[in-house]
Structure formats: structure tokens, C-alpha cells
């Protein structure tokens, strides 16, 4: 199939939909966000808690946090 002359797909934003349509995407995270309607409190809570969850469960983030705390302590000690 020629990519330049392929079928035209209409793209809609999540905010443009009028009814509860479910859009199919390739990413499982985005498909969950698009298929489920969430309140702004849920989205706000997820956005604020995500960095802490990432820090708790990812060892590379823990090491990076310890390293940055050590650098902060060295450079800004009194």
C-alpha cells in the first residue's frame, strides 16, 4: 500500500468528542485514558502521584535521586 495515497483518517481530540466513543490507539496507556472518562480530580491526582510512584518502583530513579541529593549537599552546604 502506498503511504502517501492511503485511506484518509480523521483525527479527533479527546475534548472534541460529543458522545462516549472509544478510540483505538496503539498504546495501552493512552487507550485506557481515552476509553474511560475521568473527572478532573482523578486526572489531577494521577498527574501528581505519578512521579512519586515512579521514584518508589524504579531503581534507576532512586539512584538518580540519591545522586542529586548528594550533589545538592556537596554544593550547597553551609
PDB file of N, CA and C in Angstrom:
ATOM      1  N   UNK A   1       0.840  -1.170   0.000  1.00  0.00           N
ATOM      2  CA  UNK A   1       0.000   0.000   0.000  1.00  0.00           C
ATOM      3  C   UNK A   1       0.884   1.232   0.000  1.00  0.00           C
ATOM      4  N   UNK A   2       0.554   2.188  -0.795  1.00  0.00           N
ATOM      5  CA  UNK A   2       1.285   3.441  -0.878  1.00  0.00           C
ATOM      6  C   UNK A   2       0.884   4.320   0.304  1.00  0.00           C
ATOM      7  N   UNK A   3       1.862   4.753   1.100  1.00  0.00           N
ATOM      8  CA  UNK A   3       1.554   5.535   2.289  1.00  0.00           C
ATOM      9  C   UNK A   3       1.021   6.924   1.961  1.00  0.00           C
ATOM     10  N   UNK A   4       1.470   7.483   0.838  1.00  0.00           N
ATOM     11  CA  UNK A   4       1.011   8.824   0.501  1.00  0.00           C
ATOM     12  C   UNK A   4      -0.427   8.830  -0.006  1.00  0.00           C
ATOM     13  N   UNK A   5      -0.871   7.763  -0.630  1.00  0.00           N
ATOM     14  CA  UNK A   5      -2.221   7.714  -1.191  1.00  0.00           C
ATOM     15  C   UNK A   5      -3.126   6.754  -0.425  1.00  0.00           C
ATOM     16  N   UNK A   6      -2.811   6.496   0.826  1.00  0.00           N
ATOM     17  CA  UNK A   6      -3.601   5.579   1.636  1.00  0.00           C
ATOM     18  C   UNK A   6      -4.928   6.187   2.045  1.00  0.00           C
ATOM     19  N   UNK A   7      -5.716   5.435   2.781  1.00  0.00           N
ATOM     20  CA  UNK A   7      -7.019   5.956   3.206  1.00  0.00           C
ATOM     21  C   UNK A   7      -6.835   7.125   4.181  1.00  0.00           C
ATOM     22  N   UNK A   8      -7.747   8.069   4.105  1.00  0.00           N
ATOM     23  CA  UNK A   8      -7.689   9.248   4.960  1.00  0.00           C
ATOM     24  C   UNK A   8      -8.358   8.926   6.286  1.00  0.00           C
ATOM     25  N   UNK A   9      -7.660   9.224   7.362  1.00  0.00           N
ATOM     26  CA  UNK A   9      -8.207   9.005   8.698  1.00  0.00           C
ATOM     27  C   UNK A   9      -8.487  10.356   9.339  1.00  0.00           C
ATOM     28  N   UNK A  10      -9.675  10.498   9.874  1.00  0.00           N
ATOM     29  CA  UNK A  10      -9.991  11.729  10.583  1.00  0.00           C
ATOM     30  C   UNK A  10      -9.517  11.586  12.022  1.00  0.00           C
ATOM     31  N   UNK A  11      -8.902  12.620  12.517  1.00  0.00           N
ATOM     32  CA  UNK A  11      -8.349  12.611  13.864  1.00  0.00           C
ATOM     33  C   UNK A  11      -9.156  13.576  14.711  1.00  0.00           C
ATOM     34  N   UNK A  12      -9.588  13.104  15.879  1.00  0.00           N
ATOM     35  CA  UNK A  12     -10.320  13.949  16.809  1.00  0.00           C
ATOM     36  C   UNK A  12      -9.597  13.958  18.136  1.00  0.00           C
ATOM     37  N   UNK A  13      -9.651  15.081  18.792  1.00  0.00           N
ATOM     38  CA  UNK A  13      -9.102  15.187  20.129  1.00  0.00           C
ATOM     39  C   UNK A  13     -10.084  14.552  21.114  1.00  0.00           C
ATOM     40  N   UNK A  14      -9.597  14.223  22.280  1.00  0.00           N
ATOM     41  CA  UNK A  14     -10.466  13.669  23.314  1.00  0.00           C
ATOM     42  C   UNK A  14     -11.503  14.705  23.722  1.00  0.00           C
ATOM     43  N   UNK A  15     -11.117  15.980  23.654  1.00  0.00           N
ATOM     44  CA  UNK A  15     -12.014  17.039  24.084  1.00  0.00           C
ATOM     45  C   UNK A  15     -13.061  17.386  23.034  1.00  0.00           C
ATOM     46  N   UNK A  16     -12.878  16.953  21.789  1.00  0.00           N
ATOM     47  CA  UNK A  16     -13.812  17.275  20.720  1.00  0.00           C
ATOM     48  C   UNK A  16     -14.979  16.297  20.629  1.00  0.00           C
ATOM     49  N   UNK A  17     -14.890  15.164  21.268  1.00  0.00           N
ATOM     50  CA  UNK A  17     -15.955  14.174  21.107  1.00  0.00           C
ATOM     51  C   UNK A  17     -17.198  14.611  21.870  1.00  0.00           C
ATOM     52  N   UNK A  18     -18.342  14.292  21.310  1.00  0.00           N
ATOM     53  CA  UNK A  18     -19.599  14.702  21.917  1.00  0.00           C
ATOM     54  C   UNK A  18     -20.263  13.564  22.678  1.00  0.00           C
ATOM     55  N   UNK A  19     -20.044  12.353  22.246  1.00  0.00           N
ATOM     56  CA  UNK A  19     -20.602  11.219  22.975  1.00  0.00           C
ATOM     57  C   UNK A  19     -19.454  10.353  23.475  1.00  0.00           C
ATOM     58  N   UNK A  20     -19.764   9.292  24.160  1.00  0.00           N
ATOM     59  CA  UNK A  20     -18.731   8.450  24.753  1.00  0.00           C
ATOM     60  C   UNK A  20     -18.248   7.417  23.745  1.00  0.00           C
ATOM     61  N   UNK A  21     -17.551   7.895  22.733  1.00  0.00           N
ATOM     62  CA  UNK A  21     -16.962   6.988  21.755  1.00  0.00           C
ATOM     63  C   UNK A  21     -15.656   6.468  22.318  1.00  0.00           C
ATOM     64  N   UNK A  22     -15.284   5.295  21.904  1.00  0.00           N
ATOM     65  CA  UNK A  22     -13.973   4.791  22.299  1.00  0.00           C
ATOM     66  C   UNK A  22     -13.093   4.762  21.058  1.00  0.00           C
ATOM     67  N   UNK A  23     -11.918   5.346  21.191  1.00  0.00           N
ATOM     68  CA  UNK A  23     -10.979   5.403  20.094  1.00  0.00           C
ATOM     69  C   UNK A  23      -9.910   4.341  20.302  1.00  0.00           C
ATOM     70  N   UNK A  24      -9.502   3.718  19.240  1.00  0.00           N
ATOM     71  CA  UNK A  24      -8.496   2.675  19.324  1.00  0.00           C
ATOM     72  C   UNK A  24      -7.143   3.311  19.054  1.00  0.00           C
ATOM     73  N   UNK A  25      -6.215   3.115  19.991  1.00  0.00           N
ATOM     74  CA  UNK A  25      -4.851   3.592  19.804  1.00  0.00           C
ATOM     75  C   UNK A  25      -3.912   2.416  19.986  1.00  0.00           C
ATOM     76  N   UNK A  26      -2.662   2.633  19.659  1.00  0.00           N
ATOM     77  CA  UNK A  26      -1.693   1.549  19.746  1.00  0.00           C
ATOM     78  C   UNK A  26      -1.099   1.409  21.137  1.00  0.00           C
ATOM     79  N   UNK A  27      -1.150   2.442  21.946  1.00  0.00           N
ATOM     80  CA  UNK A  27      -0.576   2.392  23.286  1.00  0.00           C
ATOM     81  C   UNK A  27      -1.658   1.999  24.279  1.00  0.00           C
ATOM     82  N   UNK A  28      -1.351   1.080  25.165  1.00  0.00           N
ATOM     83  CA  UNK A  28      -2.349   0.624  26.122  1.00  0.00           C
ATOM     84  C   UNK A  28      -2.669   1.709  27.134  1.00  0.00           C
ATOM     85  N   UNK A  29      -1.676   2.537  27.500  1.00  0.00           N
ATOM     86  CA  UNK A  29      -1.944   3.600  28.472  1.00  0.00           C
ATOM     87  C   UNK A  29      -2.898   4.630  27.890  1.00  0.00           C
ATOM     88  N   UNK A  30      -2.639   5.074  26.673  1.00  0.00           N
ATOM     89  CA  UNK A  30      -3.486   6.088  26.079  1.00  0.00           C
ATOM     90  C   UNK A  30      -4.865   5.544  25.761  1.00  0.00           C
ATOM     91  N   UNK A  31      -4.962   4.272  25.416  1.00  0.00           N
ATOM     92  CA  UNK A  31      -6.284   3.723  25.143  1.00  0.00           C
ATOM     93  C   UNK A  31      -7.116   3.682  26.415  1.00  0.00           C
ATOM     94  N   UNK A  32      -6.480   3.437  27.572  1.00  0.00           N
ATOM     95  CA  UNK A  32      -7.231   3.456  28.829  1.00  0.00           C
ATOM     96  C   UNK A  32      -7.712   4.859  29.124  1.00  0.00           C
ATOM     97  N   UNK A  33      -6.858   5.851  28.898  1.00  0.00           N
ATOM     98  CA  UNK A  33      -7.235   7.234  29.183  1.00  0.00           C
ATOM     99  C   UNK A  33      -8.365   7.677  28.273  1.00  0.00           C
ATOM    100  N   UNK A  34      -8.323   7.286  27.019  1.00  0.00           N
ATOM    101  CA  UNK A  34      -9.329   7.732  26.066  1.00  0.00           C
ATOM    102  C   UNK A  34     -10.642   6.988  26.266  1.00  0.00           C
ATOM    103  N   UNK A  35     -10.594   5.705  26.576  1.00  0.00           N
ATOM    104  CA  UNK A  35     -11.824   4.928  26.700  1.00  0.00           C
ATOM    105  C   UNK A  35     -12.582   5.241  27.980  1.00  0.00           C
ATOM    106  N   UNK A  36     -11.910   5.622  29.038  1.00  0.00           N
ATOM    107  CA  UNK A  36     -12.562   5.896  30.311  1.00  0.00           C
ATOM    108  C   UNK A  36     -12.658   7.405  30.505  1.00  0.00           C
ATOM    109  N   UNK A  37     -13.846   7.837  30.857  1.00  0.00           N
ATOM    110  CA  UNK A  37     -14.000   9.248  31.142  1.00  0.00           C
ATOM    111  C   UNK A  37     -13.637   9.469  32.600  1.00  0.00           C
ATOM    112  N   UNK A  38     -12.736  10.396  32.840  1.00  0.00           N
ATOM    113  CA  UNK A  38     -12.257  10.668  34.187  1.00  0.00           C
ATOM    114  C   UNK A  38     -12.619  12.096  34.568  1.00  0.00           C
ATOM    115  N   UNK A  39     -12.810  12.299  35.845  1.00  0.00           N
ATOM    116  CA  UNK A  39     -13.044  13.656  36.326  1.00  0.00           C
ATOM    117  C   UNK A  39     -11.704  14.380  36.416  1.00  0.00           C
ATOM    118  N   UNK A  40     -11.747  15.680  36.574  1.00  0.00           N
ATOM    119  CA  UNK A  40     -10.509  16.432  36.649  1.00  0.00           C
ATOM    120  C   UNK A  40      -9.772  16.128  37.939  1.00  0.00           C
ATOM    121  N   UNK A  41     -10.491  15.725  38.995  1.00  0.00           N
ATOM    122  CA  UNK A  41      -9.829  15.360  40.246  1.00  0.00           C
ATOM    123  C   UNK A  41      -8.988  14.104  40.061  1.00  0.00           C
ATOM    124  N   UNK A  42      -9.518  13.131  39.323  1.00  0.00           N
ATOM    125  CA  UNK A  42      -8.773  11.894  39.070  1.00  0.00           C
ATOM    126  C   UNK A  42      -7.545  12.166  38.223  1.00  0.00           C
ATOM    127  N   UNK A  43      -7.694  12.969  37.183  1.00  0.00           N
ATOM    128  CA  UNK A  43      -6.551  13.306  36.346  1.00  0.00           C
ATOM    129  C   UNK A  43      -5.508  14.085  37.133  1.00  0.00           C
ATOM    130  N   UNK A  44      -5.944  14.999  37.971  1.00  0.00           N
ATOM    131  CA  UNK A  44      -5.032  15.792  38.795  1.00  0.00           C
ATOM    132  C   UNK A  44      -4.286  14.905  39.775  1.00  0.00           C
ATOM    133  N   UNK A  45      -4.998  13.983  40.425  1.00  0.00           N
ATOM    134  CA  UNK A  45      -4.374  13.073  41.385  1.00  0.00           C
ATOM    135  C   UNK A  45      -3.364  12.155  40.688  1.00  0.00           C
ATOM    136  N   UNK A  46      -3.716  11.632  39.516  1.00  0.00           N
ATOM    137  CA  UNK A  46      -2.791  10.778  38.778  1.00  0.00           C
ATOM    138  C   UNK A  46      -1.542  11.542  38.358  1.00  0.00           C
ATOM    139  N   UNK A  47      -1.716  12.783  37.938  1.00  0.00           N
ATOM    140  CA  UNK A  47      -0.572  13.584  37.496  1.00  0.00           C
ATOM    141  C   UNK A  47       0.359  13.912  38.659  1.00  0.00           C
ATOM    142  N   UNK A  48      -0.201  14.138  39.840  1.00  0.00           N
ATOM    143  CA  UNK A  48       0.645  14.471  40.985  1.00  0.00           C
ATOM    144  C   UNK A  48       1.274  13.246  41.634  1.00  0.00           C
ATOM    145  N   UNK A  49       0.629  12.114  41.558  1.00  0.00           N
ATOM    146  CA  UNK A  49       1.173  10.921  42.215  1.00  0.00           C
ATOM    147  C   UNK A  49       2.137  10.137  41.333  1.00  0.00           C
ATOM    148  N   UNK A  50       2.088  10.336  40.021  1.00  0.00           N
ATOM    149  CA  UNK A  50       2.923   9.562  39.101  1.00  0.00           C
ATOM    150  C   UNK A  50       4.424   9.698  39.367  1.00  0.00           C
ATOM    151  N   UNK A  51       4.980  10.900  39.631  1.00  0.00           N
ATOM    152  CA  UNK A  51       6.421  10.977  39.906  1.00  0.00           C
ATOM    153  C   UNK A  51       6.838  10.222  41.162  1.00  0.00           C
ATOM    154  N   UNK A  52       5.999  10.234  42.187  1.00  0.00           N
ATOM    155  CA  UNK A  52       6.339   9.531  43.414  1.00  0.00           C
ATOM    156  C   UNK A  52       6.287   8.015  43.225  1.00  0.00           C
ATOM    157  N   UNK A  53       5.321   7.557  42.461  1.00  0.00           N
ATOM    158  CA  UNK A  53       5.236   6.121  42.165  1.00  0.00           C
ATOM    159  C   UNK A  53       6.431   5.690  41.331  1.00  0.00           C
ATOM    160  N   UNK A  54       6.807   6.518  40.369  1.00  0.00           N
ATOM    161  CA  UNK A  54       7.977   6.232  39.550  1.00  0.00           C
ATOM    162  C   UNK A  54       9.228   6.169  40.417  1.00  0.00           C
ATOM    163  N   UNK A  55       9.356   7.086  41.366  1.00  0.00           N
ATOM    164  CA  UNK A  55      10.520   7.087  42.249  1.00  0.00           C
ATOM    165  C   UNK A  55      10.539   5.871  43.157  1.00  0.00           C
ATOM    166  N   UNK A  56       9.369   5.406  43.599  1.00  0.00           N
ATOM    167  CA  UNK A  56       9.318   4.268  44.514  1.00  0.00           C
ATOM    168  C   UNK A  56       9.632   2.949  43.817  1.00  0.00           C
ATOM    169  N   UNK A  57       9.216   2.782  42.559  1.00  0.00           N
ATOM    170  CA  UNK A  57       9.310   1.485  41.918  1.00  0.00           C
ATOM    171  C   UNK A  57      10.443   1.340  40.906  1.00  0.00           C
ATOM    172  N   UNK A  58      11.117   2.431  40.560  1.00  0.00           N
ATOM    173  CA  UNK A  58      12.189   2.349  39.576  1.00  0.00           C
ATOM    174  C   UNK A  58      13.541   2.558  40.242  1.00  0.00           C
ATOM    175  N   UNK A  59      14.398   1.538  40.256  1.00  0.00           N
ATOM    176  CA  UNK A  59      15.695   1.658  40.917  1.00  0.00           C
ATOM    177  C   UNK A  59      16.592   2.737  40.314  1.00  0.00           C
ATOM    178  N   UNK A  60      16.527   2.947  39.018  1.00  0.00           N
ATOM    179  CA  UNK A  60      17.362   3.967  38.405  1.00  0.00           C
ATOM    180  C   UNK A  60      16.950   5.361  38.872  1.00  0.00           C
ATOM    181  N   UNK A  61      15.661   5.568  39.115  1.00  0.00           N
ATOM    182  CA  UNK A  61      15.199   6.855  39.625  1.00  0.00           C
ATOM    183  C   UNK A  61      15.628   7.045  41.072  1.00  0.00           C
ATOM    184  N   UNK A  62      15.650   5.964  41.843  1.00  0.00           N
ATOM    185  CA  UNK A  62      16.119   6.058  43.222  1.00  0.00           C
ATOM    186  C   UNK A  62      17.597   6.420  43.265  1.00  0.00           C
ATOM    187  N   UNK A  63      18.391   5.787  42.413  1.00  0.00           N
ATOM    188  CA  UNK A  63      19.814   6.104  42.357  1.00  0.00           C
ATOM    189  C   UNK A  63      20.051   7.535  41.893  1.00  0.00           C
ATOM    190  N   UNK A  64      19.284   7.964  40.911  1.00  0.00           N
ATOM    191  CA  UNK A  64      19.408   9.330  40.438  1.00  0.00           C
ATOM    192  C   UNK A  64      19.010  10.322  41.528  1.00  0.00           C
ATOM    193  N   UNK A  65      17.985  10.013  42.304  1.00  0.00           N
ATOM    194  CA  UNK A  65      17.570  10.876  43.407  1.00  0.00           C
ATOM    195  C   UNK A  65      18.617  10.969  44.491  1.00  0.00           C
ATOM    196  N   UNK A  66      19.236   9.837  44.832  1.00  0.00           N
ATOM    197  CA  UNK A  66      20.302   9.842  45.834  1.00  0.00           C
ATOM    198  C   UNK A  66      21.502  10.631  45.325  1.00  0.00           C
ATOM    199  N   UNK A  67      21.844  10.448  44.061  1.00  0.00           N
ATOM    200  CA  UNK A  67      22.965  11.166  43.461  1.00  0.00           C
ATOM    201  C   UNK A  67      22.717  12.671  43.455  1.00  0.00           C
ATOM    202  N   UNK A  68      21.508  13.083  43.084  1.00  0.00           N
ATOM    203  CA  UNK A  68      21.197  14.506  43.064  1.00  0.00           C
ATOM    204  C   UNK A  68      21.176  15.089  44.479  1.00  0.00           C
ATOM    205  N   UNK A  69      20.710  14.321  45.464  1.00  0.00           N
ATOM    206  CA  UNK A  69      20.725  14.785  46.853  1.00  0.00           C
ATOM    207  C   UNK A  69      22.161  14.932  47.347  1.00  0.00           C
ATOM    208  N   UNK A  70      23.028  14.022  46.962  1.00  0.00           N
ATOM    209  CA  UNK A  70      24.437  14.103  47.340  1.00  0.00           C
ATOM    210  C   UNK A  70      25.088  15.337  46.715  1.00  0.00           C
ATOM    211  N   UNK A  71      24.824  15.572  45.424  1.00  0.00           N
ATOM    212  CA  UNK A  71      25.371  16.773  44.768  1.00  0.00           C
ATOM    213  C   UNK A  71      24.838  18.052  45.412  1.00  0.00           C
ATOM    214  N   UNK A  72      23.570  18.074  45.746  1.00  0.00           N
ATOM    215  CA  UNK A  72      22.988  19.244  46.389  1.00  0.00           C
ATOM    216  C   UNK A  72      23.651  19.483  47.736  1.00  0.00           C
ATOM    217  N   UNK A  73      23.873  18.408  48.487  1.00  0.00           N
ATOM    218  CA  UNK A  73      24.518  18.534  49.781  1.00  0.00           C
ATOM    219  C   UNK A  73      25.953  19.017  49.676  1.00  0.00           C
ATOM    220  N   UNK A  74      26.662  18.592  48.649  1.00  0.00           N
ATOM    221  CA  UNK A  74      28.059  18.999  48.471  1.00  0.00           C
ATOM    222  C   UNK A  74      28.146  20.461  48.034  1.00  0.00           C
ATOM    223  N   UNK A  75      27.360  20.854  47.076  1.00  0.00           N
ATOM    224  CA  UNK A  75      27.474  22.202  46.522  1.00  0.00           C
ATOM    225  C   UNK A  75      26.857  23.280  47.412  1.00  0.00           C
ATOM    226  N   UNK A  76      25.819  22.974  48.131  1.00  0.00           N
ATOM    227  CA  UNK A  76      25.105  23.989  48.894  1.00  0.00           C
ATOM    228  C   UNK A  76      25.235  23.808  50.398  1.00  0.00           C
ATOM    229  N   UNK A  77      26.291  23.157  50.852  1.00  0.00           N
ATOM    230  CA  UNK A  77      26.465  23.016  52.307  1.00  0.00           C
ATOM    231  C   UNK A  77      26.877  24.358  52.897  1.00  0.00           C
ATOM    232  N   UNK A  78      26.540  24.528  54.117  1.00  0.00           N
ATOM    233  CA  UNK A  78      26.820  25.829  54.765  1.00  0.00           C
ATOM    234  C   UNK A  78      28.173  25.844  55.425  1.00  0.00           C
TER     235      UNK A  78
END
